[in-house]
Amino acid sequence: MRGLLGFSPWILYAIIATSDEWRWGAITGLVIALVLVLVDRRSGRAWDEMVIESSAAVFFACLTVLSLVDPHSVLTPYGPALVNVWLAGTAWGSLAIRKPFTLGIARTMAPKEVWETPVFYRVNVVITTAWAIAFTVAAVSLTFVLAAAPHATSVVIAIKALSFVVPAVFTARYPKVVRARAHREAGAASDK
């Protein structure tokens, strides 16, 4: 659940910015991201546990500046899509450097003896890929919806919600599936 708290700046921005208040959404996202990073660092959390929070701080700092300097930017209507472009870039980038953003979070929940195993790493690659795909699909979908029907608020909200809910559910379930499969294979091997 703590891992999902890292998405709170993004979620609150999505809620506030939906009503065309992108400046307040950006400022809120920035403040919450900075508070999360400061609280996490003070509590001893490592940077690899805070990839999403750190990414949010950078994104919302840039977006806050843009929204204040150019409040009527041509990018204004595409704020929800920009969020998902940034999150997709964060997820795909973490995979490209072979440090899936979920790895640090997963280490806080898994026993230390599994941290360096190929299965642990692979599970986090799969989970991070699921998030990256969800963010990419949302970015593309939101871009098209916002260009074609900018006032289709319910569609925009549905896409935003699904881009977090679907990978969150997958993140909760996938490790259990892998563990169950490993137990079945171990049981089958011991029967031979």
Protein backbone atom coordinates (compact mmCIF):
# COMPACT_ATOMS: atom_id res chain seq x y z
CA MET A 1 0.00 0.00 0.00
CA ARG A 2 2.93 2.36 0.71
CA GLY A 3 4.03 2.00 -2.90
CA LEU A 4 0.67 3.30 -4.07
CA LEU A 5 1.01 6.37 -1.82
CA GLY A 6 3.82 7.43 -4.15
CA PHE A 7 1.20 7.90 -6.85
CA SER A 8 -0.83 10.35 -4.74
CA PRO A 9 0.66 13.49 -6.36
CA TRP A 10 -0.33 12.13 -9.77
CA ILE A 11 -3.80 11.14 -8.63
CA LEU A 12 -4.50 14.46 -6.93
CA TYR A 13 -3.23 16.34 -9.97
CA ALA A 14 -5.56 14.27 -12.14
CA ILE A 15 -8.53 15.13 -9.93
CA ILE A 16 -7.78 18.84 -9.63
CA ALA A 17 -6.65 19.36 -13.24
CA THR A 18 -9.78 17.68 -14.63
CA SER A 19 -11.71 20.83 -13.82
CA ASP A 20 -9.30 22.91 -15.97
CA GLU A 21 -7.32 23.99 -12.92
CA TRP A 22 -3.97 22.72 -14.15
CA ARG A 23 -1.98 25.39 -12.28
CA TRP A 24 -3.46 24.38 -8.92
CA GLY A 25 -3.13 20.72 -9.87
CA ALA A 26 0.55 21.20 -10.70
CA ILE A 27 1.24 23.12 -7.49
CA THR A 28 -0.61 20.51 -5.42
CA GLY A 29 1.26 17.67 -7.14
CA LEU A 30 4.59 19.42 -6.53
CA VAL A 31 3.91 20.10 -2.84
CA ILE A 32 2.75 16.54 -2.18
CA ALA A 33 5.67 15.02 -4.13
CA LEU A 34 8.20 17.14 -2.22
CA VAL A 35 6.59 16.27 1.12
CA LEU A 36 6.67 12.55 0.25
CA VAL A 37 10.34 12.73 -0.78
CA LEU A 38 11.31 14.66 2.36
CA VAL A 39 9.36 12.38 4.70
CA ASP A 40 10.70 9.26 3.00
CA ARG A 41 14.31 10.44 3.08
CA ARG A 42 14.03 11.46 6.74
CA SER A 43 12.66 8.01 7.55
CA GLY A 44 15.68 6.41 5.87
CA ARG A 45 14.13 5.25 2.62
CA ALA A 46 16.58 4.69 -0.21
CA TRP A 47 16.27 6.58 -3.51
CA ASP A 48 15.42 3.37 -5.38
CA GLU A 49 12.32 3.06 -3.18
CA MET A 50 11.19 6.53 -4.24
CA VAL A 51 11.50 6.55 -8.02
CA ILE A 52 7.87 7.52 -8.61
CA GLU A 53 7.94 10.19 -5.89
CA SER A 54 11.21 11.66 -7.21
CA SER A 55 9.91 11.56 -10.76
CA ALA A 56 6.75 13.35 -9.59
CA ALA A 57 8.80 16.10 -7.94
CA VAL A 58 10.70 16.78 -11.16
CA PHE A 59 7.60 16.59 -13.36
CA PHE A 60 5.47 18.83 -11.16
CA ALA A 61 8.29 21.35 -10.72
CA CYS A 62 8.50 21.66 -14.51
CA LEU A 63 4.72 21.71 -14.92
CA THR A 64 4.29 24.31 -12.18
CA VAL A 65 6.79 26.61 -13.86
CA LEU A 66 5.14 26.10 -17.26
CA SER A 67 1.63 26.62 -15.87
CA LEU A 68 2.65 29.87 -14.17
CA VAL A 69 4.79 31.25 -17.00
CA ASP A 70 2.37 30.30 -19.77
CA PRO A 71 -1.05 29.57 -18.22
CA HIS A 72 -2.67 29.38 -21.66
CA SER A 73 -0.08 27.06 -23.19
CA VAL A 74 -1.17 24.85 -26.06
CA LEU A 75 -0.23 21.97 -23.74
CA THR A 76 -2.89 22.94 -21.17
CA PRO A 77 -5.61 20.67 -22.53
CA TYR A 78 -3.16 17.77 -22.73
CA GLY A 79 -2.11 17.78 -19.06
CA PRO A 80 -3.60 14.33 -18.36
CA ALA A 81 -1.80 12.89 -21.37
CA LEU A 82 1.48 14.57 -20.35
CA VAL A 83 1.27 12.92 -16.93
CA ASN A 84 1.05 9.50 -18.56
CA VAL A 85 3.80 10.31 -21.07
CA TRP A 86 6.07 11.21 -18.14
CA LEU A 87 5.09 8.14 -16.10
CA ALA A 88 5.55 5.89 -19.14
CA GLY A 89 8.98 7.45 -19.69
CA THR A 90 9.85 6.85 -16.04
CA ALA A 91 8.76 3.21 -16.21
CA TRP A 92 10.32 2.44 -19.63
CA GLY A 93 13.48 4.34 -18.62
CA SER A 94 13.84 2.30 -15.44
CA LEU A 95 13.55 -0.87 -17.53
CA ALA A 96 16.09 0.43 -20.07
CA ILE A 97 18.69 0.93 -17.35
CA ARG A 98 17.80 -2.48 -15.89
CA LYS A 99 16.49 -1.02 -12.61
CA PRO A 100 12.71 -1.51 -12.74
CA PHE A 101 11.09 1.18 -10.62
CA THR A 102 9.17 -1.44 -8.63
CA LEU A 103 12.37 -3.16 -7.47
CA GLY A 104 13.13 -0.77 -4.60
CA ILE A 105 9.51 -0.86 -3.43
CA ALA A 106 9.43 -4.67 -3.63
CA ARG A 107 12.59 -4.93 -1.52
CA THR A 108 10.75 -3.26 1.35
CA MET A 109 8.17 -6.07 1.29
CA ALA A 110 10.26 -9.14 0.45
CA PRO A 111 12.76 -11.07 2.56
CA LYS A 112 16.36 -10.01 1.94
CA GLU A 113 17.37 -13.51 0.80
CA VAL A 114 15.29 -13.20 -2.39
CA TRP A 115 16.44 -9.72 -3.43
CA GLU A 116 19.24 -10.93 -5.68
CA THR A 117 17.42 -13.89 -7.21
CA PRO A 118 16.59 -13.93 -10.91
CA VAL A 119 12.93 -14.67 -10.11
CA PHE A 120 12.61 -11.57 -7.91
CA TYR A 121 14.17 -9.40 -10.59
CA ARG A 122 12.01 -10.97 -13.32
CA VAL A 123 8.80 -10.44 -11.34
CA ASN A 124 9.69 -6.76 -11.01
CA VAL A 125 10.49 -6.48 -14.71
CA VAL A 126 7.05 -7.91 -15.52
CA ILE A 127 5.27 -5.65 -13.02
CA THR A 128 7.13 -2.54 -14.18
CA THR A 129 6.34 -3.48 -17.78
CA ALA A 130 2.64 -3.71 -16.89
CA TRP A 131 2.78 -0.19 -15.45
CA ALA A 132 4.72 1.08 -18.47
CA ILE A 133 2.18 -0.40 -20.87
CA ALA A 134 -0.74 1.03 -18.88
CA PHE A 135 0.82 4.49 -18.86
CA THR A 136 1.64 4.32 -22.57
CA VAL A 137 -1.87 3.19 -23.53
CA ALA A 138 -3.34 5.92 -21.31
CA ALA A 139 -1.06 8.59 -22.84
CA VAL A 140 -2.08 7.65 -26.38
CA SER A 141 -5.76 7.27 -25.47
CA LEU A 142 -5.89 10.56 -23.60
CA THR A 143 -4.14 12.40 -26.41
CA PHE A 144 -6.76 11.21 -28.90
CA VAL A 145 -9.72 11.80 -26.58
CA LEU A 146 -8.52 15.27 -25.56
CA ALA A 147 -7.95 16.24 -29.22
CA ALA A 148 -11.25 14.83 -30.50
CA ALA A 149 -13.58 15.46 -27.56
CA PRO A 150 -11.92 17.71 -24.98
CA HIS A 151 -15.08 17.90 -22.87
CA ALA A 152 -15.54 14.13 -22.59
CA THR A 153 -14.67 14.34 -18.90
CA SER A 154 -16.13 10.95 -17.97
CA VAL A 155 -14.01 9.22 -20.63
CA VAL A 156 -10.88 11.07 -19.46
CA ILE A 157 -11.57 10.13 -15.84
CA ALA A 158 -12.20 6.50 -16.80
CA ILE A 159 -8.89 6.31 -18.69
CA LYS A 160 -7.04 7.96 -15.79
CA ALA A 161 -8.58 5.58 -13.26
CA LEU A 162 -7.93 2.49 -15.35
CA SER A 163 -4.31 3.49 -15.93
CA PHE A 164 -3.75 3.16 -12.17
CA VAL A 165 -6.25 0.51 -11.12
CA VAL A 166 -5.39 -2.14 -13.72
CA PRO A 167 -1.63 -2.21 -13.05
CA ALA A 168 -2.21 -1.88 -9.28
CA VAL A 169 -4.41 -4.98 -9.29
CA PHE A 170 -1.85 -6.79 -11.47
CA THR A 171 0.93 -5.73 -9.06
CA ALA A 172 -0.98 -7.18 -6.12
CA ARG A 173 -1.81 -10.46 -7.83
CA TYR A 174 1.16 -11.34 -10.04
CA PRO A 175 3.69 -12.15 -7.26
CA LYS A 176 1.11 -14.51 -5.70
CA VAL A 177 0.71 -16.30 -9.03
CA VAL A 178 4.49 -16.68 -9.34
CA ARG A 179 4.79 -17.99 -5.76
CA ALA A 180 1.95 -20.50 -6.30
CA ARG A 181 3.57 -21.70 -9.53
CA ALA A 182 6.94 -22.09 -7.77
CA HIS A 183 5.31 -24.10 -4.95
CA ARG A 184 3.55 -26.36 -7.46
CA GLU A 185 6.80 -26.94 -9.38
CA ALA A 186 8.69 -27.61 -6.15
CA GLY A 187 6.01 -30.11 -5.09
CA ALA A 188 6.09 -31.83 -8.48
CA ALA A 189 9.88 -32.04 -8.36
CA SER A 190 9.85 -33.59 -4.88
CA ASP A 191 7.30 -36.20 -6.01
CA LYS A 192 9.74 -37.54 -8.62
